Amino acid sequence: MKAAKIIEMWSRASRQIPHTSDDDIVQMFANEIAKLSYKLTDEELYRLIAVGALVYQRGFREFDGTIMADLLIRTLREGGRA
C-alpha cells in the first residue's frame, strides 16, 4: 500500500476515533509494532521505532528533544537507520 493511501485512510479514520492522550497513542503504536516485529527485518523495525520516537517526542514537548527529532527525520529521509 502506498503512503498516500495510508494518509487518506488516517484522515477518514481520524474523524471517527475519539480523542486520546499522547500516552495512549504511544502505547497503541508500540503494541502494533510489537505484534509485527517478528515479521520485520532489523532495519524495518528500527525505522518504525525511529518514527515512534518522533511521535513520542512531539507529544511531550516539555522535553527539549528538537535536535534529536530533527536528526531522526533527516536520517529517515536519507534512508538510513536511526
C-alpha atoms as a PDB file:
ATOM      1  CA  MET A   1       0.000   0.000   0.000  1.00  0.00           C
ATOM      2  CA  LYS A   2       1.294   3.436  -0.881  1.00  0.00           C
ATOM      3  CA  ALA A   3       1.885   6.155   1.717  1.00  0.00           C
ATOM      4  CA  ALA A   4      -0.714   8.463   0.120  1.00  0.00           C
ATOM      5  CA  LYS A   5      -3.389   5.782   0.589  1.00  0.00           C
ATOM      6  CA  ILE A   6      -2.387   5.298   4.225  1.00  0.00           C
ATOM      7  CA  ILE A   7      -2.605   9.042   4.853  1.00  0.00           C
ATOM      8  CA  GLU A   8      -6.028   9.124   3.208  1.00  0.00           C
ATOM      9  CA  MET A   9      -7.169   6.276   5.465  1.00  0.00           C
ATOM     10  CA  TRP A  10      -5.806   8.077   8.533  1.00  0.00           C
ATOM     11  CA  SER A  11      -7.715  11.179   7.544  1.00  0.00           C
ATOM     12  CA  ARG A  12     -11.001   9.293   7.209  1.00  0.00           C
ATOM     13  CA  ALA A  13     -10.468   7.254  10.372  1.00  0.00           C
ATOM     14  CA  SER A  14      -9.448  10.267  12.454  1.00  0.00           C
ATOM     15  CA  ARG A  15     -12.973  11.670  12.162  1.00  0.00           C
ATOM     16  CA  GLN A  16     -14.397   8.539  13.792  1.00  0.00           C
ATOM     17  CA  ILE A  17     -11.919   7.970  16.606  1.00  0.00           C
ATOM     18  CA  PRO A  18     -12.421   9.656  19.987  1.00  0.00           C
ATOM     19  CA  HIS A  19      -9.661  11.940  21.226  1.00  0.00           C
ATOM     20  CA  THR A  20      -6.913  10.099  23.061  1.00  0.00           C
ATOM     21  CA  SER A  21      -3.984  11.168  25.177  1.00  0.00           C
ATOM     22  CA  ASP A  22      -0.414  11.205  23.923  1.00  0.00           C
ATOM     23  CA  ASP A  23       0.339   8.302  26.260  1.00  0.00           C
ATOM     24  CA  ASP A  24      -2.497   6.283  24.703  1.00  0.00           C
ATOM     25  CA  ILE A  25      -1.213   6.920  21.183  1.00  0.00           C
ATOM     26  CA  VAL A  26       2.338   5.933  22.078  1.00  0.00           C
ATOM     27  CA  GLN A  27       1.097   2.764  23.779  1.00  0.00           C
ATOM     28  CA  MET A  28      -1.119   1.794  20.833  1.00  0.00           C
ATOM     29  CA  PHE A  29       1.704   2.341  18.336  1.00  0.00           C
ATOM     30  CA  ALA A  30       4.127   0.308  20.458  1.00  0.00           C
ATOM     31  CA  ASN A  31       1.578  -2.523  20.724  1.00  0.00           C
ATOM     32  CA  GLU A  32       1.119  -2.630  16.957  1.00  0.00           C
ATOM     33  CA  ILE A  33       4.862  -2.632  16.283  1.00  0.00           C
ATOM     34  CA  ALA A  34       5.306  -5.416  18.841  1.00  0.00           C
ATOM     35  CA  LYS A  35       2.719  -7.547  17.004  1.00  0.00           C
ATOM     36  CA  LEU A  36       4.558  -7.057  13.693  1.00  0.00           C
ATOM     37  CA  SER A  37       8.134  -7.109  14.938  1.00  0.00           C
ATOM     38  CA  TYR A  38       8.779 -10.786  14.207  1.00  0.00           C
ATOM     39  CA  LYS A  39       7.886 -10.180  10.531  1.00  0.00           C
ATOM     40  CA  LEU A  40      10.246  -7.233  10.101  1.00  0.00           C
ATOM     41  CA  THR A  41      13.921  -7.033   9.338  1.00  0.00           C
ATOM     42  CA  ASP A  42      16.044  -5.228  11.904  1.00  0.00           C
ATOM     43  CA  GLU A  43      16.225  -2.274   9.512  1.00  0.00           C
ATOM     44  CA  GLU A  44      12.425  -2.063   9.162  1.00  0.00           C
ATOM     45  CA  LEU A  45      11.924  -2.414  12.905  1.00  0.00           C
ATOM     46  CA  TYR A  46      14.458   0.296  13.744  1.00  0.00           C
ATOM     47  CA  ARG A  47      12.848   2.665  11.224  1.00  0.00           C
ATOM     48  CA  LEU A  48       9.410   2.159  12.793  1.00  0.00           C
ATOM     49  CA  ILE A  49      10.904   2.684  16.234  1.00  0.00           C
ATOM     50  CA  ALA A  50      12.521   5.900  14.977  1.00  0.00           C
ATOM     51  CA  VAL A  51       9.162   7.151  13.696  1.00  0.00           C
ATOM     52  CA  GLY A  52       7.602   6.199  17.025  1.00  0.00           C
ATOM     53  CA  ALA A  53      10.303   8.182  18.787  1.00  0.00           C
ATOM     54  CA  LEU A  54       9.338  11.216  16.713  1.00  0.00           C
ATOM     55  CA  VAL A  55       5.686  10.801  17.667  1.00  0.00           C
ATOM     56  CA  TYR A  56       6.700  10.428  21.297  1.00  0.00           C
ATOM     57  CA  GLN A  57       8.948  13.480  21.193  1.00  0.00           C
ATOM     58  CA  ARG A  58       6.320  15.662  19.518  1.00  0.00           C
ATOM     59  CA  GLY A  59       3.759  14.599  22.091  1.00  0.00           C
ATOM     60  CA  PHE A  60       5.963  15.525  25.014  1.00  0.00           C
ATOM     61  CA  ARG A  61       7.258  18.931  24.012  1.00  0.00           C
ATOM     62  CA  GLU A  62       8.215  19.897  27.552  1.00  0.00           C
ATOM     63  CA  PHE A  63      11.403  17.946  26.941  1.00  0.00           C
ATOM     64  CA  ASP A  64      13.855  19.691  24.650  1.00  0.00           C
ATOM     65  CA  GLY A  65      14.293  16.968  22.068  1.00  0.00           C
ATOM     66  CA  THR A  66      14.070  19.116  18.964  1.00  0.00           C
ATOM     67  CA  ILE A  67      17.648  18.454  17.903  1.00  0.00           C
ATOM     68  CA  MET A  68      17.189  14.676  18.249  1.00  0.00           C
ATOM     69  CA  ALA A  69      13.881  14.791  16.353  1.00  0.00           C
ATOM     70  CA  ASP A  70      15.476  16.741  13.519  1.00  0.00           C
ATOM     71  CA  LEU A  71      18.320  14.216  13.352  1.00  0.00           C
ATOM     72  CA  LEU A  72      15.856  11.303  13.222  1.00  0.00           C
ATOM     73  CA  ILE A  73      13.843  12.963  10.467  1.00  0.00           C
ATOM     74  CA  ARG A  74      16.962  13.658   8.414  1.00  0.00           C
ATOM     75  CA  THR A  75      18.204  10.088   8.897  1.00  0.00           C
ATOM     76  CA  LEU A  76      14.875   8.582   7.850  1.00  0.00           C
ATOM     77  CA  ARG A  77      14.593  10.807   4.782  1.00  0.00           C
ATOM     78  CA  GLU A  78      18.064   9.747   3.719  1.00  0.00           C
ATOM     79  CA  GLY A  79      17.050   6.104   4.054  1.00  0.00           C
ATOM     80  CA  GLY A  80      19.388   5.386   6.931  1.00  0.00           C
ATOM     81  CA  ARG A  81      18.922   3.582  10.173  1.00  0.00           C
ATOM     82  CA  ALA A  82      18.166   5.727  13.193  1.00  0.00           C
END
